[in-house]
Amino acid sequence: MELILREEDTSREKKKLEEVLSPYGKLILYSKGSMTSNLELYHGKEVKVKVLNQGRELNICEPLKEHISGQNTYLRESYLYSDEGGNPYLYSKSALFLDNIPVRMRESLIEGETPIGKLIDIFKIETSRDLKKINICQSKYIAEILMIPEQENIILRQYYIMSNKKPIFLIGEYLPYKM
């Protein structure tokens, strides 16, 4: 099952998508803020990042390929979790547009010890989100990372984080549909 929401969709199609999403899914659909902050509020726990892969290799973030060609990008595959929980909350594939990110923030991103949302707050970067896609999909690989059954639906939200009218990140977030 795959549902795609794009800007040109009608309000009737948006309503259909809203009807199949849980309250958590609706939070994802309408949130304009940091997912790190949203997850901390929702779960009442500090959220941390575990970087699985990072570098300039495109195969890390193949789904982002069409949006990053020709850019000076650094790619990251990670998940967000809490020490007090069990399963990861969110799996992410991110493209970092290095030429548009302050040098000190770039170094912290590459260290991979702090979630992107927290770094935006730490470095006081004014941002906006440009939502590109919301899907409901299935993936054996992502299900294993999120520790959910392989056949369970996963919510995908893909968006740009913009600063000074330039993209600083392109992020694809995958969350368990039943969470």
N, C-alpha and C. Protein backbone atom coordinates (compact mmCIF):
# COMPACT_ATOMS: atom_id res chain seq x y z
N MET A 1 0.85 -1.18 0.00
CA MET A 1 0.00 0.00 0.00
C MET A 1 0.89 1.24 0.00
N GLU A 2 0.64 2.14 -0.90
CA GLU A 2 1.41 3.36 -0.94
C GLU A 2 0.48 4.53 -1.19
N LEU A 3 0.51 5.49 -0.31
CA LEU A 3 -0.23 6.73 -0.48
C LEU A 3 0.78 7.85 -0.56
N ILE A 4 0.62 8.72 -1.53
CA ILE A 4 1.55 9.81 -1.69
C ILE A 4 0.80 11.13 -1.59
N LEU A 5 1.29 12.04 -0.79
CA LEU A 5 0.71 13.36 -0.66
C LEU A 5 1.69 14.36 -1.24
N ARG A 6 1.24 15.12 -2.22
CA ARG A 6 2.05 16.17 -2.83
C ARG A 6 1.26 17.46 -2.78
N GLU A 7 1.94 18.57 -3.01
CA GLU A 7 1.28 19.87 -2.92
C GLU A 7 0.08 19.97 -3.84
N GLU A 8 0.13 19.34 -5.01
CA GLU A 8 -0.96 19.49 -5.96
C GLU A 8 -2.17 18.60 -5.65
N ASP A 9 -2.08 17.75 -4.62
CA ASP A 9 -3.21 16.90 -4.26
C ASP A 9 -4.40 17.74 -3.81
N THR A 10 -5.59 17.24 -4.07
CA THR A 10 -6.80 17.95 -3.66
C THR A 10 -7.05 17.74 -2.17
N SER A 11 -7.92 18.58 -1.61
CA SER A 11 -8.23 18.44 -0.19
C SER A 11 -8.95 17.13 0.07
N ARG A 12 -9.67 16.59 -0.91
CA ARG A 12 -10.34 15.29 -0.73
C ARG A 12 -9.30 14.18 -0.55
N GLU A 13 -8.23 14.23 -1.34
CA GLU A 13 -7.17 13.23 -1.21
C GLU A 13 -6.44 13.37 0.12
N LYS A 14 -6.23 14.62 0.56
CA LYS A 14 -5.61 14.85 1.87
C LYS A 14 -6.47 14.24 2.97
N LYS A 15 -7.78 14.44 2.85
CA LYS A 15 -8.70 13.92 3.86
C LYS A 15 -8.65 12.39 3.90
N LYS A 16 -8.55 11.75 2.74
CA LYS A 16 -8.42 10.28 2.69
C LYS A 16 -7.17 9.82 3.44
N LEU A 17 -6.07 10.51 3.22
CA LEU A 17 -4.83 10.16 3.91
C LEU A 17 -4.98 10.35 5.41
N GLU A 18 -5.60 11.44 5.82
CA GLU A 18 -5.81 11.70 7.25
C GLU A 18 -6.64 10.60 7.90
N GLU A 19 -7.60 10.05 7.16
CA GLU A 19 -8.48 9.02 7.71
C GLU A 19 -7.74 7.72 8.02
N VAL A 20 -6.66 7.43 7.30
CA VAL A 20 -5.94 6.18 7.54
C VAL A 20 -4.80 6.34 8.53
N LEU A 21 -4.44 7.57 8.85
CA LEU A 21 -3.34 7.80 9.77
C LEU A 21 -3.80 7.83 11.22
N SER A 22 -2.96 7.31 12.08
CA SER A 22 -3.18 7.39 13.52
C SER A 22 -2.94 8.83 13.97
N PRO A 23 -3.28 9.16 15.24
CA PRO A 23 -2.94 10.50 15.74
C PRO A 23 -1.44 10.79 15.60
N TYR A 24 -0.61 9.78 15.81
CA TYR A 24 0.83 9.93 15.65
C TYR A 24 1.18 10.26 14.20
N GLY A 25 0.53 9.57 13.27
CA GLY A 25 0.73 9.84 11.85
C GLY A 25 0.33 11.25 11.48
N LYS A 26 -0.76 11.72 12.07
CA LYS A 26 -1.21 13.09 11.81
C LYS A 26 -0.20 14.11 12.35
N LEU A 27 0.43 13.79 13.47
CA LEU A 27 1.48 14.65 14.02
C LEU A 27 2.59 14.80 12.98
N ILE A 28 2.96 13.69 12.36
CA ILE A 28 4.01 13.69 11.35
C ILE A 28 3.57 14.52 10.15
N LEU A 29 2.34 14.32 9.73
CA LEU A 29 1.82 14.99 8.55
C LEU A 29 1.84 16.51 8.70
N TYR A 30 1.47 17.01 9.86
CA TYR A 30 1.30 18.45 10.03
C TYR A 30 2.43 19.15 10.75
N SER A 31 3.38 18.41 11.28
CA SER A 31 4.46 19.03 12.04
C SER A 31 5.38 19.85 11.14
N LYS A 32 5.67 21.05 11.56
CA LYS A 32 6.62 21.91 10.85
C LYS A 32 7.91 22.07 11.65
N GLY A 33 7.94 21.52 12.85
CA GLY A 33 9.10 21.69 13.71
C GLY A 33 10.02 20.48 13.68
N SER A 34 10.96 20.48 14.57
CA SER A 34 11.96 19.43 14.69
C SER A 34 11.33 18.12 15.14
N MET A 35 11.62 17.04 14.41
CA MET A 35 11.12 15.73 14.83
C MET A 35 11.75 15.31 16.15
N THR A 36 12.99 15.71 16.38
CA THR A 36 13.63 15.38 17.66
C THR A 36 12.80 15.96 18.81
N SER A 37 12.45 17.24 18.71
CA SER A 37 11.64 17.88 19.75
C SER A 37 10.27 17.24 19.86
N ASN A 38 9.64 16.97 18.72
CA ASN A 38 8.31 16.34 18.72
C ASN A 38 8.35 14.97 19.41
N LEU A 39 9.37 14.19 19.10
CA LEU A 39 9.49 12.86 19.71
C LEU A 39 9.75 12.97 21.21
N GLU A 40 10.56 13.93 21.62
CA GLU A 40 10.81 14.12 23.05
C GLU A 40 9.52 14.52 23.77
N LEU A 41 8.75 15.39 23.17
CA LEU A 41 7.46 15.77 23.76
C LEU A 41 6.50 14.58 23.81
N TYR A 42 6.40 13.86 22.73
CA TYR A 42 5.46 12.75 22.63
C TYR A 42 5.80 11.63 23.62
N HIS A 43 7.09 11.28 23.71
CA HIS A 43 7.51 10.16 24.56
C HIS A 43 7.94 10.58 25.95
N GLY A 44 8.20 11.86 26.17
CA GLY A 44 8.64 12.32 27.48
C GLY A 44 10.03 11.85 27.85
N LYS A 45 10.87 11.63 26.85
CA LYS A 45 12.23 11.13 27.08
C LYS A 45 13.21 11.85 26.16
N GLU A 46 14.48 11.92 26.60
CA GLU A 46 15.51 12.51 25.75
C GLU A 46 15.75 11.60 24.54
N VAL A 47 15.85 12.21 23.37
CA VAL A 47 16.07 11.47 22.13
C VAL A 47 17.53 11.61 21.72
N LYS A 48 18.12 10.48 21.32
CA LYS A 48 19.51 10.44 20.87
C LYS A 48 19.56 9.91 19.45
N VAL A 49 20.72 10.07 18.80
CA VAL A 49 20.89 9.59 17.43
C VAL A 49 21.93 8.48 17.40
N LYS A 50 21.69 7.49 16.58
CA LYS A 50 22.67 6.44 16.29
C LYS A 50 22.91 6.49 14.79
N VAL A 51 24.12 6.87 14.39
CA VAL A 51 24.46 6.95 12.97
C VAL A 51 24.88 5.55 12.52
N LEU A 52 24.21 5.05 11.47
CA LEU A 52 24.51 3.73 10.92
C LEU A 52 25.57 3.81 9.84
N ASN A 53 25.45 4.79 8.96
CA ASN A 53 26.40 5.03 7.88
C ASN A 53 26.43 6.51 7.59
N GLN A 54 27.58 7.00 7.17
CA GLN A 54 27.65 8.38 6.71
C GLN A 54 28.86 8.54 5.79
N GLY A 55 28.78 9.52 4.94
CA GLY A 55 29.86 9.80 4.00
C GLY A 55 29.32 10.39 2.72
N ARG A 56 30.10 10.32 1.69
CA ARG A 56 29.70 10.89 0.41
C ARG A 56 29.16 9.84 -0.55
N GLU A 57 29.15 8.59 -0.16
CA GLU A 57 28.68 7.52 -1.03
C GLU A 57 27.17 7.61 -1.25
N LEU A 58 26.77 7.61 -2.50
CA LEU A 58 25.36 7.79 -2.84
C LEU A 58 24.50 6.60 -2.45
N ASN A 59 25.04 5.40 -2.44
CA ASN A 59 24.22 4.23 -2.13
C ASN A 59 23.66 4.27 -0.71
N ILE A 60 24.22 5.12 0.14
CA ILE A 60 23.70 5.27 1.49
C ILE A 60 22.27 5.82 1.44
N CYS A 61 22.04 6.75 0.55
CA CYS A 61 20.75 7.45 0.48
C CYS A 61 20.20 7.45 -0.94
N GLU A 62 20.14 6.32 -1.56
CA GLU A 62 19.68 6.20 -2.94
C GLU A 62 18.34 6.92 -3.20
N PRO A 63 17.34 6.84 -2.30
CA PRO A 63 16.07 7.53 -2.58
C PRO A 63 16.19 9.05 -2.70
N LEU A 64 17.26 9.62 -2.19
CA LEU A 64 17.44 11.07 -2.25
C LEU A 64 18.21 11.49 -3.51
N LYS A 65 18.68 10.51 -4.29
CA LYS A 65 19.57 10.75 -5.43
C LYS A 65 19.08 11.85 -6.36
N GLU A 66 17.81 11.81 -6.76
CA GLU A 66 17.30 12.77 -7.74
C GLU A 66 17.32 14.22 -7.23
N HIS A 67 17.37 14.40 -5.93
CA HIS A 67 17.30 15.75 -5.36
C HIS A 67 18.66 16.36 -5.02
N ILE A 68 19.74 15.56 -5.12
CA ILE A 68 21.02 16.06 -4.63
C ILE A 68 22.12 16.08 -5.68
N SER A 69 21.84 15.67 -6.90
CA SER A 69 22.91 15.60 -7.90
C SER A 69 23.54 16.98 -8.12
N GLY A 70 24.85 16.97 -8.21
CA GLY A 70 25.59 18.21 -8.45
C GLY A 70 25.81 19.06 -7.21
N GLN A 71 25.31 18.64 -6.06
CA GLN A 71 25.46 19.41 -4.82
C GLN A 71 26.64 18.86 -4.01
N ASN A 72 27.24 19.70 -3.19
CA ASN A 72 28.27 19.28 -2.26
C ASN A 72 27.55 18.72 -1.02
N THR A 73 27.31 17.41 -1.04
CA THR A 73 26.50 16.80 0.02
C THR A 73 27.28 15.77 0.82
N TYR A 74 26.82 15.61 2.03
CA TYR A 74 27.29 14.57 2.93
C TYR A 74 26.04 13.80 3.31
N LEU A 75 26.09 12.50 3.26
CA LEU A 75 24.90 11.68 3.45
C LEU A 75 24.97 10.94 4.77
N ARG A 76 23.81 10.75 5.36
CA ARG A 76 23.77 10.10 6.67
C ARG A 76 22.54 9.20 6.76
N GLU A 77 22.77 8.01 7.28
CA GLU A 77 21.70 7.06 7.58
C GLU A 77 21.75 6.84 9.09
N SER A 78 20.62 7.06 9.75
CA SER A 78 20.62 7.00 11.22
C SER A 78 19.25 6.64 11.75
N TYR A 79 19.17 6.49 13.06
CA TYR A 79 17.87 6.37 13.71
C TYR A 79 17.89 7.12 15.03
N LEU A 80 16.70 7.53 15.47
CA LEU A 80 16.53 8.22 16.75
C LEU A 80 15.95 7.24 17.75
N TYR A 81 16.42 7.32 18.99
CA TYR A 81 16.02 6.39 20.03
C TYR A 81 16.14 7.06 21.39
N SER A 82 15.76 6.34 22.43
CA SER A 82 15.93 6.80 23.79
C SER A 82 16.58 5.67 24.58
N ASP A 83 17.45 6.02 25.52
CA ASP A 83 18.06 5.01 26.40
C ASP A 83 17.00 4.29 27.22
N GLU A 84 15.89 4.98 27.50
CA GLU A 84 14.85 4.42 28.36
C GLU A 84 13.82 3.60 27.60
N GLY A 85 13.95 3.51 26.30
CA GLY A 85 12.95 2.80 25.51
C GLY A 85 13.48 1.47 25.02
N GLY A 86 12.75 0.94 24.10
CA GLY A 86 13.19 -0.29 23.48
C GLY A 86 13.53 -0.02 22.03
N ASN A 87 12.51 0.09 21.23
CA ASN A 87 12.69 0.23 19.79
C ASN A 87 13.06 1.66 19.39
N PRO A 88 13.79 1.77 18.28
CA PRO A 88 14.03 3.11 17.73
C PRO A 88 12.71 3.78 17.37
N TYR A 89 12.67 5.09 17.48
CA TYR A 89 11.45 5.84 17.17
C TYR A 89 11.33 6.16 15.69
N LEU A 90 12.48 6.35 15.03
CA LEU A 90 12.47 6.89 13.68
C LEU A 90 13.76 6.49 12.99
N TYR A 91 13.66 6.10 11.73
CA TYR A 91 14.82 5.83 10.88
C TYR A 91 14.91 6.97 9.88
N SER A 92 16.12 7.40 9.53
CA SER A 92 16.28 8.58 8.68
C SER A 92 17.39 8.40 7.66
N LYS A 93 17.13 8.93 6.47
CA LYS A 93 18.15 9.10 5.44
C LYS A 93 18.21 10.59 5.16
N SER A 94 19.40 11.17 5.32
CA SER A 94 19.54 12.62 5.22
C SER A 94 20.67 13.01 4.27
N ALA A 95 20.44 14.08 3.54
CA ALA A 95 21.48 14.71 2.74
C ALA A 95 21.77 16.06 3.38
N LEU A 96 23.03 16.32 3.68
CA LEU A 96 23.45 17.57 4.28
C LEU A 96 24.11 18.40 3.18
N PHE A 97 23.59 19.57 2.89
CA PHE A 97 24.13 20.44 1.85
C PHE A 97 25.24 21.29 2.48
N LEU A 98 26.46 20.79 2.39
CA LEU A 98 27.59 21.34 3.14
C LEU A 98 27.87 22.81 2.86
N ASP A 99 27.68 23.25 1.62
CA ASP A 99 27.98 24.65 1.29
C ASP A 99 27.01 25.63 1.96
N ASN A 100 25.87 25.12 2.44
CA ASN A 100 24.85 25.99 3.03
C ASN A 100 24.79 25.90 4.55
N ILE A 101 25.69 25.14 5.14
CA ILE A 101 25.68 24.91 6.60
C ILE A 101 26.91 25.57 7.22
N PRO A 102 26.73 26.31 8.33
CA PRO A 102 27.89 26.92 9.00
C PRO A 102 28.95 25.87 9.36
N VAL A 103 30.22 26.24 9.25
CA VAL A 103 31.34 25.31 9.44
C VAL A 103 31.27 24.58 10.78
N ARG A 104 31.03 25.29 11.88
CA ARG A 104 30.99 24.64 13.20
C ARG A 104 29.86 23.61 13.28
N MET A 105 28.73 23.94 12.69
CA MET A 105 27.62 23.00 12.69
C MET A 105 27.96 21.78 11.83
N ARG A 106 28.63 22.01 10.71
CA ARG A 106 29.05 20.93 9.82
C ARG A 106 29.90 19.91 10.59
N GLU A 107 30.85 20.40 11.36
CA GLU A 107 31.73 19.52 12.14
C GLU A 107 30.92 18.68 13.13
N SER A 108 29.96 19.29 13.80
CA SER A 108 29.11 18.56 14.75
C SER A 108 28.25 17.52 14.05
N LEU A 109 27.76 17.85 12.86
CA LEU A 109 26.94 16.90 12.10
C LEU A 109 27.76 15.67 11.73
N ILE A 110 28.98 15.90 11.27
CA ILE A 110 29.83 14.79 10.85
C ILE A 110 30.26 13.93 12.04
N GLU A 111 30.40 14.55 13.23
CA GLU A 111 30.69 13.77 14.44
C GLU A 111 29.56 12.78 14.70
N GLY A 112 28.32 13.16 14.38
CA GLY A 112 27.18 12.26 14.45
C GLY A 112 26.70 11.92 15.85
N GLU A 113 26.97 12.76 16.83
CA GLU A 113 26.57 12.44 18.20
C GLU A 113 25.29 13.15 18.65
N THR A 114 24.83 14.13 17.85
CA THR A 114 23.67 14.92 18.23
C THR A 114 22.67 14.92 17.08
N PRO A 115 21.38 14.72 17.37
CA PRO A 115 20.38 14.76 16.30
C PRO A 115 20.36 16.12 15.59
N ILE A 116 20.02 16.11 14.32
CA ILE A 116 19.97 17.32 13.51
C ILE A 116 19.09 18.38 14.17
N GLY A 117 17.92 18.00 14.65
CA GLY A 117 17.01 18.96 15.27
C GLY A 117 17.63 19.69 16.45
N LYS A 118 18.40 18.96 17.25
CA LYS A 118 19.06 19.59 18.40
C LYS A 118 20.18 20.52 17.95
N LEU A 119 20.90 20.14 16.89
CA LEU A 119 21.97 21.00 16.38
C LEU A 119 21.41 22.31 15.83
N ILE A 120 20.27 22.24 15.18
CA ILE A 120 19.63 23.46 14.69
C ILE A 120 19.34 24.41 15.86
N ASP A 121 18.87 23.84 16.97
CA ASP A 121 18.61 24.65 18.17
C ASP A 121 19.91 25.17 18.79
N ILE A 122 20.90 24.31 18.93
CA ILE A 122 22.18 24.69 19.54
C ILE A 122 22.83 25.84 18.77
N PHE A 123 22.82 25.75 17.44
CA PHE A 123 23.47 26.76 16.62
C PHE A 123 22.53 27.91 16.24
N LYS A 124 21.31 27.88 16.79
CA LYS A 124 20.33 28.95 16.59
C LYS A 124 20.14 29.30 15.11
N ILE A 125 19.91 28.27 14.32
CA ILE A 125 19.69 28.44 12.88
C ILE A 125 18.20 28.63 12.65
N GLU A 126 17.83 29.71 12.00
CA GLU A 126 16.43 29.93 11.65
C GLU A 126 16.11 29.07 10.43
N THR A 127 15.06 28.28 10.54
CA THR A 127 14.74 27.34 9.47
C THR A 127 13.25 27.33 9.16
N SER A 128 12.95 26.76 8.01
CA SER A 128 11.58 26.43 7.63
C SER A 128 11.62 25.06 6.98
N ARG A 129 10.47 24.42 6.90
CA ARG A 129 10.40 23.09 6.28
C ARG A 129 9.62 23.19 4.98
N ASP A 130 10.08 22.47 3.98
CA ASP A 130 9.41 22.40 2.69
C ASP A 130 9.07 20.93 2.45
N LEU A 131 7.85 20.55 2.79
CA LEU A 131 7.41 19.16 2.69
C LEU A 131 7.32 18.73 1.23
N LYS A 132 7.95 17.63 0.89
CA LYS A 132 7.95 17.11 -0.48
C LYS A 132 7.06 15.90 -0.65
N LYS A 133 7.00 15.04 0.36
CA LYS A 133 6.27 13.79 0.17
C LYS A 133 5.91 13.17 1.50
N ILE A 134 4.74 12.55 1.56
CA ILE A 134 4.38 11.68 2.67
C ILE A 134 3.88 10.38 2.04
N ASN A 135 4.44 9.28 2.44
CA ASN A 135 4.05 7.95 1.94
C ASN A 135 3.72 7.04 3.10
N ILE A 136 2.98 6.01 2.79
CA ILE A 136 2.87 4.86 3.66
C ILE A 136 3.45 3.72 2.85
N CYS A 137 4.49 3.07 3.39
CA CYS A 137 5.20 2.05 2.62
C CYS A 137 5.57 0.88 3.53
N GLN A 138 6.22 -0.11 2.94
CA GLN A 138 6.76 -1.25 3.69
C GLN A 138 8.19 -1.47 3.23
N SER A 139 9.06 -1.88 4.15
CA SER A 139 10.45 -2.15 3.84
C SER A 139 11.00 -3.14 4.87
N LYS A 140 11.50 -4.25 4.39
CA LYS A 140 12.08 -5.24 5.29
C LYS A 140 13.28 -4.64 6.04
N TYR A 141 14.14 -3.93 5.30
CA TYR A 141 15.34 -3.34 5.89
C TYR A 141 14.99 -2.35 7.00
N ILE A 142 14.07 -1.42 6.71
CA ILE A 142 13.71 -0.40 7.70
C ILE A 142 12.94 -1.04 8.85
N ALA A 143 12.09 -2.01 8.57
CA ALA A 143 11.35 -2.71 9.63
C ALA A 143 12.33 -3.36 10.62
N GLU A 144 13.42 -3.95 10.10
CA GLU A 144 14.42 -4.55 10.99
C GLU A 144 15.04 -3.50 11.91
N ILE A 145 15.36 -2.35 11.35
CA ILE A 145 15.98 -1.28 12.15
C ILE A 145 14.99 -0.77 13.21
N LEU A 146 13.73 -0.57 12.80
CA LEU A 146 12.71 -0.07 13.73
C LEU A 146 12.18 -1.16 14.67
N MET A 147 12.63 -2.39 14.46
CA MET A 147 12.22 -3.55 15.28
C MET A 147 10.71 -3.75 15.25
N ILE A 148 10.15 -3.73 14.04
CA ILE A 148 8.72 -3.97 13.84
C ILE A 148 8.56 -5.12 12.86
N PRO A 149 7.38 -5.74 12.80
CA PRO A 149 7.17 -6.81 11.81
C PRO A 149 7.38 -6.31 10.39
N GLU A 150 7.95 -7.16 9.56
CA GLU A 150 8.28 -6.81 8.17
C GLU A 150 7.07 -6.31 7.38
N GLN A 151 5.89 -6.85 7.64
CA GLN A 151 4.69 -6.49 6.88
C GLN A 151 3.98 -5.25 7.43
N GLU A 152 4.49 -4.67 8.51
CA GLU A 152 3.85 -3.48 9.10
C GLU A 152 4.12 -2.24 8.25
N ASN A 153 3.12 -1.40 8.13
CA ASN A 153 3.27 -0.16 7.38
C ASN A 153 4.20 0.81 8.10
N ILE A 154 4.87 1.62 7.30
CA ILE A 154 5.82 2.62 7.78
C ILE A 154 5.43 3.95 7.15
N ILE A 155 5.44 5.02 7.94
CA ILE A 155 5.17 6.36 7.43
C ILE A 155 6.50 6.97 6.99
N LEU A 156 6.52 7.50 5.77
CA LEU A 156 7.68 8.23 5.27
C LEU A 156 7.29 9.69 5.11
N ARG A 157 8.12 10.56 5.62
CA ARG A 157 7.96 12.00 5.42
C ARG A 157 9.28 12.51 4.88
N GLN A 158 9.24 13.11 3.69
CA GLN A 158 10.45 13.64 3.08
C GLN A 158 10.30 15.15 2.92
N TYR A 159 11.30 15.90 3.37
CA TYR A 159 11.21 17.36 3.33
C TYR A 159 12.60 17.99 3.34
N TYR A 160 12.63 19.23 2.86
CA TYR A 160 13.83 20.05 2.95
C TYR A 160 13.74 20.87 4.23
N ILE A 161 14.88 21.08 4.87
CA ILE A 161 15.00 22.10 5.91
C ILE A 161 15.77 23.23 5.24
N MET A 162 15.13 24.40 5.22
CA MET A 162 15.68 25.56 4.52
C MET A 162 16.17 26.59 5.54
N SER A 163 17.22 27.31 5.16
CA SER A 163 17.71 28.44 5.94
C SER A 163 18.22 29.48 4.95
N ASN A 164 17.83 30.72 5.14
CA ASN A 164 18.21 31.79 4.21
C ASN A 164 17.85 31.44 2.77
N LYS A 165 16.70 30.81 2.59
CA LYS A 165 16.16 30.43 1.28
C LYS A 165 16.99 29.39 0.54
N LYS A 166 17.87 28.69 1.28
CA LYS A 166 18.70 27.63 0.69
C LYS A 166 18.45 26.34 1.47
N PRO A 167 18.49 25.20 0.78
CA PRO A 167 18.34 23.93 1.50
C PRO A 167 19.60 23.63 2.30
N ILE A 168 19.41 23.29 3.57
CA ILE A 168 20.57 22.85 4.36
C ILE A 168 20.50 21.34 4.58
N PHE A 169 19.30 20.77 4.55
CA PHE A 169 19.13 19.32 4.67
C PHE A 169 17.98 18.88 3.78
N LEU A 170 18.08 17.66 3.28
CA LEU A 170 16.96 16.95 2.71
C LEU A 170 16.83 15.69 3.55
N ILE A 171 15.69 15.52 4.17
CA ILE A 171 15.53 14.44 5.14
C ILE A 171 14.37 13.54 4.76
N GLY A 172 14.61 12.25 4.81
CA GLY A 172 13.56 11.25 4.68
C GLY A 172 13.45 10.54 6.02
N GLU A 173 12.30 10.69 6.68
CA GLU A 173 12.09 10.06 7.99
C GLU A 173 11.08 8.94 7.85
N TYR A 174 11.37 7.82 8.47
CA TYR A 174 10.51 6.63 8.43
C TYR A 174 10.12 6.28 9.85
N LEU A 175 8.80 6.21 10.11
CA LEU A 175 8.31 5.94 11.45
C LEU A 175 7.31 4.78 11.42
N PRO A 176 7.28 3.98 12.47
CA PRO A 176 6.29 2.90 12.52
C PRO A 176 4.88 3.46 12.47
N TYR A 177 4.06 2.93 11.61
CA TYR A 177 2.69 3.38 11.42
C TYR A 177 1.86 3.19 12.68
N LYS A 178 2.11 2.11 13.42
CA LYS A 178 1.29 1.79 14.60
C LYS A 178 1.77 2.46 15.88
N MET A 179 2.84 3.21 15.83
CA MET A 179 3.42 3.79 17.03
C MET A 179 2.45 4.73 17.72
